Structures are given as C-alpha cells and as structure tokens.
Amino acid sequence: MNSSSTAVTTWSLEQLAPEDLVPPGPEAPRGVRVVRAEVPSPEFSRFLYDAVGGDYQWGDRLPWTYRQWLEFLDRPAMETWVAYEWGTPAGYIELDPQEEGTVEISHFGLLPAFQGRGVGGHLLTWGTARAWDLAERWPERPATRRVWVHTCSRDSPAALGAYQARGFRLFRTEESSEPTVPPSAPWPAG
C-alpha cells in the first residue's frame, strides 16, 4: 500500500444559465470534429481516462471493474463526447446527469499530443453546450438548470483557466491530502 500523500486543492465551478457559456472562437480547429460515443464501451472509456489522466495522477476509477464502468456509462442521459482530429481520438468530455436539472462534467481533457492546439477550448464549449441541451436528447430529463465541474491541483495547470475562460464561476475551494497515485498512461510523464 502506498503511504505517501499529496496536498491537493480542488476548485468547483458552475454555470447557471446557457448564456454563461463563452465560446472560444468562430470555428473548430481544422480537421477536428466532436462525436457522441453512443454505445457504452468500458474499454474505450477506460482508454480515454488513462490516456488523458495518466500524467495527472487520475486514480479514482483505476480500481473499477468492467461491470462498474458499464454501470456508470449505461445510464439514461449519461453522455461521452469525443473530439477527433483527422480521425484520431484527441480528448473527451463526460456529461453526468444528476438530480433537479444539474449536469456534472465528470471528466474532461485531451491526450497529451493534442494539447495547445485549440482542440480543448472547442471541445469544452461543445460539451458544455451539450450539457445545456441534454433534455432535448433525453426528454424524460428536466431542462438543465446548472452545469458544474471540478478540477484540482493534480490536473493540467491550464484546466482552471480554461473553465473560467468558458464562463464557469468558482463556487468552492477545498484543501485535502490524497494518496499519491503513480502515472497510469502508457508513457508516464517525463
């Protein structure tokens, strides 16, 4: 068992109206398209989770079994949107429906090779807009009244600023100590 720990700051941010969303610019980067992964696939979602979060010590889902992944993904209104650049997966955003018209962006990020190319701003804008119009695709859901996300000091240094640039406002900051998680990506940071 790993006994080392890391001090972590977690920031929670929200939007309370669709008009809060600030788009990054007029067009998607050339060759980029965003597609909803409509078939729940634990293998694909685990790949995205590892590829995006490995360098940032994402570890909350590493112990999940195939069944746990499937149960999480195969729920009404749970959506995964994937950005592709020229047909290659570049990043993803997960929309997790919650009570009373709330949607959490449970995970968002880019594979390391696609960072700094304008894909992230486009994907975050696209995904946040899909959180706001979730009830149009899932009529049994109430209209979205709140979209929220959290990021932390273990995430990309650009994450907090990216959310704020898209119009998310900080509503809570928390300090904690968490176990150190070794990188899980195919090529650890370095």
N, C-alpha and C. Protein backbone atom coordinates (compact mmCIF):
# COMPACT_ATOMS: atom_id res chain seq x y z
N MET A 1 0.84 -1.19 0.00
CA MET A 1 0.00 0.00 0.00
C MET A 1 0.88 1.25 0.00
N ASN A 2 0.52 2.22 -0.78
CA ASN A 2 1.27 3.46 -0.91
C ASN A 2 0.94 4.36 0.26
N SER A 3 1.94 4.73 1.04
CA SER A 3 1.69 5.55 2.22
C SER A 3 1.97 7.03 1.98
N SER A 4 2.50 7.40 0.81
CA SER A 4 2.77 8.81 0.56
C SER A 4 1.49 9.53 0.13
N SER A 5 1.46 10.83 0.44
CA SER A 5 0.28 11.61 0.08
C SER A 5 0.71 12.95 -0.49
N THR A 6 -0.23 13.59 -1.13
CA THR A 6 0.00 14.85 -1.81
C THR A 6 -1.06 15.85 -1.36
N ALA A 7 -0.66 17.10 -1.10
CA ALA A 7 -1.63 18.16 -0.81
C ALA A 7 -2.33 18.52 -2.11
N VAL A 8 -3.67 18.58 -2.07
CA VAL A 8 -4.45 18.83 -3.27
C VAL A 8 -5.45 19.96 -3.01
N THR A 9 -5.50 20.90 -3.93
CA THR A 9 -6.53 21.94 -3.91
C THR A 9 -7.55 21.59 -4.98
N THR A 10 -8.82 21.59 -4.60
CA THR A 10 -9.91 21.29 -5.55
C THR A 10 -10.78 22.53 -5.70
N TRP A 11 -11.01 22.92 -6.95
CA TRP A 11 -11.86 24.06 -7.28
C TRP A 11 -13.13 23.54 -7.94
N SER A 12 -14.29 23.98 -7.45
CA SER A 12 -15.58 23.64 -8.06
C SER A 12 -16.12 24.89 -8.72
N LEU A 13 -16.57 24.71 -9.97
CA LEU A 13 -17.05 25.84 -10.77
C LEU A 13 -18.40 25.51 -11.36
N GLU A 14 -19.17 26.54 -11.71
CA GLU A 14 -20.51 26.30 -12.25
C GLU A 14 -20.91 27.37 -13.24
N GLN A 15 -21.91 26.99 -14.04
CA GLN A 15 -22.67 27.92 -14.88
C GLN A 15 -24.13 27.74 -14.48
N LEU A 16 -24.88 28.83 -14.42
CA LEU A 16 -26.28 28.77 -14.00
C LEU A 16 -27.26 29.10 -15.12
N ALA A 17 -26.74 29.38 -16.31
CA ALA A 17 -27.59 29.65 -17.47
C ALA A 17 -26.79 29.39 -18.74
N PRO A 18 -27.47 28.97 -19.82
CA PRO A 18 -26.75 28.72 -21.07
C PRO A 18 -25.97 29.94 -21.56
N GLU A 19 -26.46 31.12 -21.23
CA GLU A 19 -25.80 32.36 -21.66
C GLU A 19 -24.46 32.56 -20.97
N ASP A 20 -24.17 31.82 -19.91
CA ASP A 20 -22.87 31.93 -19.23
C ASP A 20 -21.74 31.36 -20.08
N LEU A 21 -22.06 30.48 -21.02
CA LEU A 21 -21.04 29.82 -21.84
C LEU A 21 -20.40 30.80 -22.80
N VAL A 22 -19.08 30.93 -22.73
CA VAL A 22 -18.32 31.81 -23.60
C VAL A 22 -17.60 30.93 -24.63
N PRO A 23 -17.93 31.07 -25.92
CA PRO A 23 -17.27 30.24 -26.94
C PRO A 23 -15.82 30.69 -27.16
N PRO A 24 -14.95 29.74 -27.61
CA PRO A 24 -13.54 30.08 -27.79
C PRO A 24 -13.25 30.87 -29.06
N GLY A 25 -14.09 30.76 -30.04
CA GLY A 25 -13.83 31.43 -31.31
C GLY A 25 -14.84 30.98 -32.34
N PRO A 26 -14.73 31.47 -33.57
CA PRO A 26 -15.76 31.21 -34.57
C PRO A 26 -15.77 29.79 -35.13
N GLU A 27 -14.65 29.08 -35.11
CA GLU A 27 -14.61 27.78 -35.78
C GLU A 27 -13.80 26.76 -35.00
N ALA A 28 -14.10 25.51 -35.25
CA ALA A 28 -13.29 24.43 -34.70
C ALA A 28 -11.95 24.40 -35.43
N PRO A 29 -10.90 23.97 -34.76
CA PRO A 29 -9.63 23.81 -35.48
C PRO A 29 -9.81 22.87 -36.68
N ARG A 30 -9.06 23.12 -37.72
CA ARG A 30 -9.16 22.32 -38.95
C ARG A 30 -8.96 20.84 -38.64
N GLY A 31 -9.84 20.01 -39.17
CA GLY A 31 -9.74 18.57 -39.00
C GLY A 31 -10.32 18.03 -37.71
N VAL A 32 -10.91 18.90 -36.88
CA VAL A 32 -11.46 18.47 -35.59
C VAL A 32 -12.98 18.35 -35.68
N ARG A 33 -13.48 17.23 -35.20
CA ARG A 33 -14.93 17.05 -35.06
C ARG A 33 -15.19 16.39 -33.72
N VAL A 34 -16.37 16.64 -33.18
CA VAL A 34 -16.77 16.06 -31.89
C VAL A 34 -17.96 15.15 -32.13
N VAL A 35 -17.86 13.93 -31.63
CA VAL A 35 -18.87 12.90 -31.87
C VAL A 35 -19.27 12.27 -30.53
N ARG A 36 -20.56 12.03 -30.37
CA ARG A 36 -21.02 11.35 -29.17
C ARG A 36 -20.77 9.85 -29.30
N ALA A 37 -20.16 9.26 -28.28
CA ALA A 37 -19.97 7.81 -28.21
C ALA A 37 -21.29 7.23 -27.69
N GLU A 38 -22.15 6.78 -28.59
CA GLU A 38 -23.50 6.38 -28.21
C GLU A 38 -23.59 4.98 -27.64
N VAL A 39 -22.60 4.14 -27.87
CA VAL A 39 -22.60 2.79 -27.32
C VAL A 39 -21.70 2.78 -26.10
N PRO A 40 -22.24 2.48 -24.91
CA PRO A 40 -21.39 2.44 -23.72
C PRO A 40 -20.28 1.40 -23.90
N SER A 41 -19.04 1.85 -23.79
CA SER A 41 -17.89 0.97 -24.01
C SER A 41 -16.88 1.17 -22.88
N PRO A 42 -16.89 0.28 -21.88
CA PRO A 42 -15.90 0.41 -20.80
C PRO A 42 -14.46 0.44 -21.30
N GLU A 43 -14.16 -0.36 -22.33
CA GLU A 43 -12.79 -0.39 -22.84
C GLU A 43 -12.38 0.98 -23.40
N PHE A 44 -13.25 1.58 -24.21
CA PHE A 44 -12.93 2.87 -24.81
C PHE A 44 -12.86 3.97 -23.75
N SER A 45 -13.82 3.97 -22.83
CA SER A 45 -13.81 4.99 -21.78
C SER A 45 -12.60 4.85 -20.88
N ARG A 46 -12.21 3.62 -20.56
CA ARG A 46 -11.01 3.40 -19.75
C ARG A 46 -9.77 3.90 -20.50
N PHE A 47 -9.72 3.63 -21.80
CA PHE A 47 -8.61 4.14 -22.61
C PHE A 47 -8.53 5.66 -22.52
N LEU A 48 -9.66 6.35 -22.72
CA LEU A 48 -9.67 7.80 -22.67
C LEU A 48 -9.24 8.31 -21.30
N TYR A 49 -9.78 7.70 -20.25
CA TYR A 49 -9.46 8.08 -18.88
C TYR A 49 -7.96 7.96 -18.63
N ASP A 50 -7.37 6.82 -18.99
CA ASP A 50 -5.94 6.60 -18.80
C ASP A 50 -5.09 7.54 -19.66
N ALA A 51 -5.46 7.68 -20.92
CA ALA A 51 -4.66 8.48 -21.85
C ALA A 51 -4.68 9.95 -21.48
N VAL A 52 -5.80 10.45 -21.00
CA VAL A 52 -5.91 11.86 -20.62
C VAL A 52 -5.37 12.09 -19.22
N GLY A 53 -5.73 11.24 -18.27
CA GLY A 53 -5.42 11.50 -16.87
C GLY A 53 -4.16 10.86 -16.32
N GLY A 54 -3.51 10.01 -17.09
CA GLY A 54 -2.34 9.30 -16.59
C GLY A 54 -1.23 10.21 -16.08
N ASP A 55 -0.95 11.27 -16.80
CA ASP A 55 0.12 12.18 -16.39
C ASP A 55 -0.29 13.06 -15.21
N TYR A 56 -1.59 13.08 -14.87
CA TYR A 56 -2.08 13.95 -13.80
C TYR A 56 -2.53 13.17 -12.57
N GLN A 57 -2.18 11.90 -12.52
CA GLN A 57 -2.49 11.06 -11.36
C GLN A 57 -3.99 10.89 -11.14
N TRP A 58 -4.77 10.85 -12.23
CA TRP A 58 -6.18 10.48 -12.05
C TRP A 58 -6.18 9.04 -11.57
N GLY A 59 -6.81 8.78 -10.46
CA GLY A 59 -6.79 7.43 -9.92
C GLY A 59 -8.11 6.93 -9.39
N ASP A 60 -9.13 7.78 -9.35
CA ASP A 60 -10.40 7.38 -8.73
C ASP A 60 -11.07 6.20 -9.42
N ARG A 61 -10.86 6.05 -10.72
CA ARG A 61 -11.52 4.96 -11.44
C ARG A 61 -10.60 3.77 -11.74
N LEU A 62 -9.35 3.87 -11.39
CA LEU A 62 -8.43 2.77 -11.70
C LEU A 62 -8.86 1.43 -11.11
N PRO A 63 -9.43 1.40 -9.89
CA PRO A 63 -9.84 0.10 -9.35
C PRO A 63 -11.18 -0.41 -9.89
N TRP A 64 -11.86 0.37 -10.73
CA TRP A 64 -13.18 -0.05 -11.21
C TRP A 64 -13.08 -1.33 -12.03
N THR A 65 -14.06 -2.20 -11.83
CA THR A 65 -14.18 -3.40 -12.65
C THR A 65 -14.90 -3.03 -13.95
N TYR A 66 -14.88 -3.97 -14.89
CA TYR A 66 -15.61 -3.79 -16.14
C TYR A 66 -17.08 -3.48 -15.83
N ARG A 67 -17.68 -4.21 -14.90
CA ARG A 67 -19.10 -4.02 -14.54
C ARG A 67 -19.34 -2.62 -14.00
N GLN A 68 -18.44 -2.10 -13.16
CA GLN A 68 -18.60 -0.75 -12.62
C GLN A 68 -18.53 0.30 -13.73
N TRP A 69 -17.61 0.13 -14.66
CA TRP A 69 -17.54 1.05 -15.79
C TRP A 69 -18.85 1.01 -16.58
N LEU A 70 -19.34 -0.19 -16.86
CA LEU A 70 -20.55 -0.33 -17.65
C LEU A 70 -21.75 0.28 -16.93
N GLU A 71 -21.87 0.05 -15.64
CA GLU A 71 -22.98 0.63 -14.87
C GLU A 71 -22.94 2.15 -14.88
N PHE A 72 -21.73 2.72 -14.80
CA PHE A 72 -21.60 4.17 -14.84
C PHE A 72 -21.99 4.72 -16.21
N LEU A 73 -21.52 4.08 -17.27
CA LEU A 73 -21.73 4.58 -18.63
C LEU A 73 -23.13 4.32 -19.17
N ASP A 74 -23.73 3.22 -18.76
CA ASP A 74 -25.01 2.78 -19.34
C ASP A 74 -26.19 3.26 -18.50
N ARG A 75 -26.26 4.57 -18.32
CA ARG A 75 -27.37 5.20 -17.59
C ARG A 75 -28.05 6.20 -18.52
N PRO A 76 -29.37 6.38 -18.36
CA PRO A 76 -30.05 7.36 -19.21
C PRO A 76 -29.42 8.75 -19.07
N ALA A 77 -29.17 9.37 -20.17
CA ALA A 77 -28.65 10.74 -20.29
C ALA A 77 -27.17 10.87 -19.96
N MET A 78 -26.49 9.79 -19.60
CA MET A 78 -25.03 9.83 -19.43
C MET A 78 -24.42 9.90 -20.83
N GLU A 79 -23.59 10.90 -21.07
CA GLU A 79 -23.04 11.06 -22.41
C GLU A 79 -21.52 11.26 -22.37
N THR A 80 -20.87 10.64 -23.35
CA THR A 80 -19.44 10.85 -23.58
C THR A 80 -19.29 11.41 -24.98
N TRP A 81 -18.67 12.57 -25.08
CA TRP A 81 -18.40 13.20 -26.36
C TRP A 81 -16.90 13.17 -26.60
N VAL A 82 -16.49 12.74 -27.78
CA VAL A 82 -15.08 12.55 -28.10
C VAL A 82 -14.67 13.49 -29.23
N ALA A 83 -13.58 14.21 -29.01
CA ALA A 83 -13.01 15.04 -30.07
C ALA A 83 -12.03 14.18 -30.87
N TYR A 84 -12.16 14.26 -32.18
CA TYR A 84 -11.24 13.56 -33.08
C TYR A 84 -10.55 14.61 -33.94
N GLU A 85 -9.24 14.47 -34.09
CA GLU A 85 -8.52 15.31 -35.03
C GLU A 85 -8.05 14.41 -36.16
N TRP A 86 -8.60 14.65 -37.34
CA TRP A 86 -8.30 13.84 -38.52
C TRP A 86 -8.49 12.34 -38.21
N GLY A 87 -9.56 12.02 -37.48
CA GLY A 87 -9.91 10.63 -37.22
C GLY A 87 -9.24 10.00 -36.01
N THR A 88 -8.37 10.72 -35.34
CA THR A 88 -7.67 10.19 -34.16
C THR A 88 -8.28 10.77 -32.89
N PRO A 89 -8.61 9.93 -31.89
CA PRO A 89 -9.15 10.48 -30.64
C PRO A 89 -8.17 11.47 -30.03
N ALA A 90 -8.67 12.68 -29.74
CA ALA A 90 -7.83 13.75 -29.19
C ALA A 90 -8.18 14.09 -27.75
N GLY A 91 -9.41 13.81 -27.34
CA GLY A 91 -9.85 14.14 -25.98
C GLY A 91 -11.31 13.79 -25.81
N TYR A 92 -11.80 14.01 -24.61
CA TYR A 92 -13.21 13.68 -24.35
C TYR A 92 -13.78 14.52 -23.23
N ILE A 93 -15.12 14.50 -23.16
CA ILE A 93 -15.84 15.17 -22.09
C ILE A 93 -17.01 14.26 -21.72
N GLU A 94 -17.18 14.03 -20.42
CA GLU A 94 -18.27 13.20 -19.91
C GLU A 94 -19.31 14.08 -19.25
N LEU A 95 -20.56 13.87 -19.61
CA LEU A 95 -21.68 14.59 -19.01
C LEU A 95 -22.45 13.63 -18.12
N ASP A 96 -22.45 13.90 -16.83
CA ASP A 96 -23.07 13.03 -15.83
C ASP A 96 -24.34 13.70 -15.31
N PRO A 97 -25.53 13.21 -15.72
CA PRO A 97 -26.78 13.82 -15.28
C PRO A 97 -27.01 13.57 -13.79
N GLN A 98 -27.48 14.60 -13.10
CA GLN A 98 -27.75 14.49 -11.67
C GLN A 98 -29.16 14.99 -11.39
N GLU A 99 -29.50 15.10 -10.14
CA GLU A 99 -30.86 15.49 -9.75
C GLU A 99 -31.17 16.94 -10.12
N GLU A 100 -32.47 17.20 -10.28
CA GLU A 100 -33.02 18.55 -10.40
C GLU A 100 -32.38 19.39 -11.50
N GLY A 101 -32.11 18.79 -12.65
CA GLY A 101 -31.62 19.55 -13.79
C GLY A 101 -30.15 19.93 -13.70
N THR A 102 -29.39 19.25 -12.87
CA THR A 102 -27.95 19.52 -12.77
C THR A 102 -27.19 18.51 -13.62
N VAL A 103 -26.16 18.98 -14.32
CA VAL A 103 -25.28 18.11 -15.10
C VAL A 103 -23.85 18.39 -14.65
N GLU A 104 -23.14 17.34 -14.27
CA GLU A 104 -21.73 17.47 -13.92
C GLU A 104 -20.87 17.09 -15.12
N ILE A 105 -19.88 17.89 -15.41
CA ILE A 105 -18.83 17.48 -16.33
C ILE A 105 -17.90 16.65 -15.47
N SER A 106 -18.07 15.33 -15.53
CA SER A 106 -17.32 14.47 -14.61
C SER A 106 -15.87 14.30 -15.01
N HIS A 107 -15.57 14.30 -16.30
CA HIS A 107 -14.19 14.26 -16.77
C HIS A 107 -14.10 15.00 -18.10
N PHE A 108 -13.00 15.69 -18.27
CA PHE A 108 -12.74 16.43 -19.50
C PHE A 108 -11.23 16.53 -19.66
N GLY A 109 -10.75 16.36 -20.86
CA GLY A 109 -9.33 16.57 -21.10
C GLY A 109 -8.89 16.07 -22.46
N LEU A 110 -7.63 16.34 -22.74
CA LEU A 110 -7.03 15.99 -24.02
C LEU A 110 -5.89 15.02 -23.81
N LEU A 111 -5.66 14.17 -24.80
CA LEU A 111 -4.45 13.36 -24.82
C LEU A 111 -3.27 14.32 -24.95
N PRO A 112 -2.12 14.01 -24.35
CA PRO A 112 -1.00 14.96 -24.34
C PRO A 112 -0.60 15.50 -25.72
N ALA A 113 -0.62 14.68 -26.74
CA ALA A 113 -0.19 15.12 -28.07
C ALA A 113 -1.09 16.19 -28.68
N PHE A 114 -2.30 16.38 -28.13
CA PHE A 114 -3.26 17.31 -28.73
C PHE A 114 -3.43 18.59 -27.92
N GLN A 115 -2.66 18.75 -26.86
CA GLN A 115 -2.76 19.94 -26.03
C GLN A 115 -2.11 21.13 -26.72
N GLY A 116 -2.68 22.32 -26.49
CA GLY A 116 -2.10 23.54 -27.04
C GLY A 116 -2.39 23.77 -28.51
N ARG A 117 -3.41 23.09 -29.05
CA ARG A 117 -3.72 23.22 -30.47
C ARG A 117 -5.12 23.77 -30.74
N GLY A 118 -5.80 24.23 -29.69
CA GLY A 118 -7.14 24.77 -29.85
C GLY A 118 -8.25 23.75 -29.75
N VAL A 119 -7.91 22.49 -29.60
CA VAL A 119 -8.92 21.43 -29.52
C VAL A 119 -9.69 21.52 -28.20
N GLY A 120 -8.98 21.80 -27.10
CA GLY A 120 -9.60 21.82 -25.78
C GLY A 120 -10.70 22.85 -25.63
N GLY A 121 -10.44 24.07 -26.07
CA GLY A 121 -11.46 25.12 -25.98
C GLY A 121 -12.70 24.76 -26.78
N HIS A 122 -12.48 24.21 -27.96
CA HIS A 122 -13.61 23.80 -28.81
C HIS A 122 -14.39 22.66 -28.14
N LEU A 123 -13.69 21.64 -27.64
CA LEU A 123 -14.35 20.50 -27.01
C LEU A 123 -15.09 20.92 -25.75
N LEU A 124 -14.49 21.75 -24.93
CA LEU A 124 -15.15 22.19 -23.70
C LEU A 124 -16.40 22.99 -24.02
N THR A 125 -16.33 23.86 -25.00
CA THR A 125 -17.51 24.63 -25.41
C THR A 125 -18.60 23.71 -25.94
N TRP A 126 -18.21 22.80 -26.82
CA TRP A 126 -19.17 21.85 -27.41
C TRP A 126 -19.84 21.03 -26.31
N GLY A 127 -19.03 20.45 -25.43
CA GLY A 127 -19.56 19.61 -24.36
C GLY A 127 -20.44 20.36 -23.39
N THR A 128 -20.05 21.57 -23.04
CA THR A 128 -20.87 22.37 -22.12
C THR A 128 -22.20 22.72 -22.78
N ALA A 129 -22.18 23.05 -24.06
CA ALA A 129 -23.43 23.32 -24.78
C ALA A 129 -24.32 22.08 -24.79
N ARG A 130 -23.71 20.89 -24.93
CA ARG A 130 -24.50 19.64 -24.91
C ARG A 130 -25.06 19.37 -23.50
N ALA A 131 -24.37 19.82 -22.47
CA ALA A 131 -24.93 19.71 -21.11
C ALA A 131 -26.17 20.58 -20.99
N TRP A 132 -26.11 21.77 -21.57
CA TRP A 132 -27.26 22.68 -21.51
C TRP A 132 -28.44 22.16 -22.32
N ASP A 133 -28.21 21.47 -23.43
CA ASP A 133 -29.34 20.98 -24.23
C ASP A 133 -29.60 19.48 -24.04
N LEU A 134 -29.14 18.91 -22.94
CA LEU A 134 -29.28 17.48 -22.67
C LEU A 134 -30.74 17.01 -22.74
N ALA A 135 -31.66 17.79 -22.22
CA ALA A 135 -33.08 17.40 -22.20
C ALA A 135 -33.67 17.28 -23.61
N GLU A 136 -33.05 17.92 -24.59
CA GLU A 136 -33.54 17.78 -25.97
C GLU A 136 -33.29 16.37 -26.48
N ARG A 137 -32.23 15.73 -26.04
CA ARG A 137 -31.92 14.36 -26.45
C ARG A 137 -32.53 13.33 -25.50
N TRP A 138 -32.85 13.75 -24.28
CA TRP A 138 -33.41 12.87 -23.25
C TRP A 138 -34.65 13.54 -22.68
N PRO A 139 -35.79 13.45 -23.37
CA PRO A 139 -37.00 14.19 -22.98
C PRO A 139 -37.51 13.88 -21.57
N GLU A 140 -37.13 12.72 -21.02
CA GLU A 140 -37.57 12.40 -19.66
C GLU A 140 -36.81 13.20 -18.60
N ARG A 141 -35.74 13.87 -19.01
CA ARG A 141 -34.94 14.69 -18.09
C ARG A 141 -35.52 16.09 -18.00
N PRO A 142 -35.41 16.70 -16.82
CA PRO A 142 -35.81 18.12 -16.73
C PRO A 142 -34.78 18.98 -17.49
N ALA A 143 -35.20 20.16 -17.85
CA ALA A 143 -34.28 21.09 -18.51
C ALA A 143 -33.09 21.35 -17.59
N THR A 144 -31.91 21.48 -18.18
CA THR A 144 -30.71 21.74 -17.39
C THR A 144 -30.80 23.14 -16.79
N ARG A 145 -30.54 23.21 -15.49
CA ARG A 145 -30.55 24.48 -14.76
C ARG A 145 -29.18 24.86 -14.24
N ARG A 146 -28.27 23.86 -14.24
CA ARG A 146 -26.93 24.11 -13.70
C ARG A 146 -25.95 23.10 -14.31
N VAL A 147 -24.79 23.60 -14.74
CA VAL A 147 -23.70 22.74 -15.20
C VAL A 147 -22.51 23.05 -14.29
N TRP A 148 -21.91 21.99 -13.75
CA TRP A 148 -20.78 22.22 -12.86
C TRP A 148 -19.65 21.26 -13.15
N VAL A 149 -18.48 21.61 -12.65
CA VAL A 149 -17.27 20.83 -12.88
C VAL A 149 -16.33 21.10 -11.71
N HIS A 150 -15.47 20.15 -11.45
CA HIS A 150 -14.38 20.43 -10.50
C HIS A 150 -13.06 20.06 -11.15
N THR A 151 -12.03 20.76 -10.76
CA THR A 151 -10.67 20.47 -11.18
C THR A 151 -9.79 20.61 -9.96
N CYS A 152 -8.58 20.14 -10.07
CA CYS A 152 -7.72 20.21 -8.89
C CYS A 152 -6.27 20.45 -9.28
N SER A 153 -5.46 20.64 -8.27
CA SER A 153 -4.04 20.93 -8.50
C SER A 153 -3.30 19.72 -9.07
N ARG A 154 -3.94 18.55 -9.13
CA ARG A 154 -3.35 17.39 -9.79
C ARG A 154 -3.68 17.36 -11.28
N ASP A 155 -4.53 18.26 -11.72
CA ASP A 155 -4.94 18.28 -13.12
C ASP A 155 -3.98 19.16 -13.92
N SER A 156 -4.26 19.31 -15.20
CA SER A 156 -3.44 20.17 -16.05
C SER A 156 -3.39 21.58 -15.46
N PRO A 157 -2.24 22.21 -15.48
CA PRO A 157 -2.15 23.59 -14.98
C PRO A 157 -3.05 24.56 -15.74
N ALA A 158 -3.46 24.18 -16.95
CA ALA A 158 -4.32 25.05 -17.76
C ALA A 158 -5.81 24.85 -17.46
N ALA A 159 -6.17 23.82 -16.70
CA ALA A 159 -7.58 23.46 -16.53
C ALA A 159 -8.43 24.56 -15.90
N LEU A 160 -8.02 25.08 -14.76
CA LEU A 160 -8.83 26.08 -14.06
C LEU A 160 -9.07 27.29 -14.96
N GLY A 161 -8.02 27.79 -15.60
CA GLY A 161 -8.18 28.93 -16.50
C GLY A 161 -9.06 28.63 -17.70
N ALA A 162 -8.99 27.40 -18.21
CA ALA A 162 -9.83 27.02 -19.35
C ALA A 162 -11.31 27.05 -18.96
N TYR A 163 -11.64 26.54 -17.79
CA TYR A 163 -13.04 26.57 -17.35
C TYR A 163 -13.50 28.01 -17.15
N GLN A 164 -12.67 28.82 -16.53
CA GLN A 164 -13.06 30.21 -16.30
C GLN A 164 -13.19 30.97 -17.63
N ALA A 165 -12.35 30.68 -18.59
CA ALA A 165 -12.44 31.32 -19.90
C ALA A 165 -13.73 30.96 -20.63
N ARG A 166 -14.30 29.80 -20.32
CA ARG A 166 -15.56 29.38 -20.93
C ARG A 166 -16.78 29.88 -20.14
N GLY A 167 -16.55 30.66 -19.07
CA GLY A 167 -17.66 31.27 -18.34
C GLY A 167 -18.05 30.56 -17.06
N PHE A 168 -17.29 29.54 -16.64
CA PHE A 168 -17.57 28.90 -15.35
C PHE A 168 -17.08 29.80 -14.23
N ARG A 169 -17.87 29.88 -13.16
CA ARG A 169 -17.53 30.69 -12.00
C ARG A 169 -17.25 29.80 -10.79
N LEU A 170 -16.22 30.16 -10.05
CA LEU A 170 -15.81 29.42 -8.87
C LEU A 170 -16.86 29.55 -7.77
N PHE A 171 -17.26 28.41 -7.17
CA PHE A 171 -18.19 28.48 -6.04
C PHE A 171 -17.65 27.78 -4.79
N ARG A 172 -16.54 27.04 -4.92
CA ARG A 172 -15.97 26.38 -3.73
C ARG A 172 -14.51 26.03 -4.00
N THR A 173 -13.68 26.19 -2.96
CA THR A 173 -12.29 25.75 -2.98
C THR A 173 -12.06 24.91 -1.74
N GLU A 174 -11.44 23.73 -1.93
CA GLU A 174 -11.19 22.83 -0.81
C GLU A 174 -9.74 22.38 -0.83
N GLU A 175 -9.18 22.18 0.35
CA GLU A 175 -7.83 21.65 0.51
C GLU A 175 -7.93 20.26 1.12
N SER A 176 -7.12 19.33 0.63
CA SER A 176 -7.13 17.97 1.18
C SER A 176 -5.76 17.33 0.97
N SER A 177 -5.60 16.18 1.55
CA SER A 177 -4.41 15.37 1.35
C SER A 177 -4.88 14.05 0.75
N GLU A 178 -4.31 13.69 -0.39
CA GLU A 178 -4.74 12.48 -1.10
C GLU A 178 -3.54 11.58 -1.34
N PRO A 179 -3.80 10.27 -1.43
CA PRO A 179 -2.69 9.35 -1.72
C PRO A 179 -2.05 9.68 -3.06
N THR A 180 -0.75 9.54 -3.11
CA THR A 180 -0.03 9.72 -4.37
C THR A 180 -0.33 8.52 -5.27
N VAL A 181 -0.72 8.80 -6.51
CA VAL A 181 -1.07 7.76 -7.46
C VAL A 181 0.00 7.74 -8.55
N PRO A 182 0.60 6.58 -8.82
CA PRO A 182 1.60 6.55 -9.90
C PRO A 182 0.92 6.76 -11.25
N PRO A 183 1.64 7.35 -12.21
CA PRO A 183 1.05 7.54 -13.54
C PRO A 183 0.57 6.22 -14.12
N SER A 184 -0.57 6.28 -14.84
CA SER A 184 -1.14 5.06 -15.40
C SER A 184 -1.14 5.04 -16.92
N ALA A 185 -0.71 6.13 -17.54
CA ALA A 185 -0.71 6.20 -19.00
C ALA A 185 0.35 5.27 -19.58
N PRO A 186 0.22 4.90 -20.85
CA PRO A 186 1.20 4.01 -21.46
C PRO A 186 2.62 4.55 -21.36
N TRP A 187 2.76 5.88 -21.41
CA TRP A 187 4.09 6.52 -21.27
C TRP A 187 4.00 7.52 -20.16
N PRO A 188 4.49 7.17 -18.96
CA PRO A 188 4.43 8.11 -17.84
C PRO A 188 5.11 9.43 -18.19
N ALA A 189 4.71 10.46 -17.46
CA ALA A 189 5.28 11.80 -17.70
C ALA A 189 6.80 11.75 -17.63
N GLY A 190 7.40 12.53 -18.45
CA GLY A 190 8.86 12.57 -18.38
C GLY A 190 9.51 12.89 -19.68
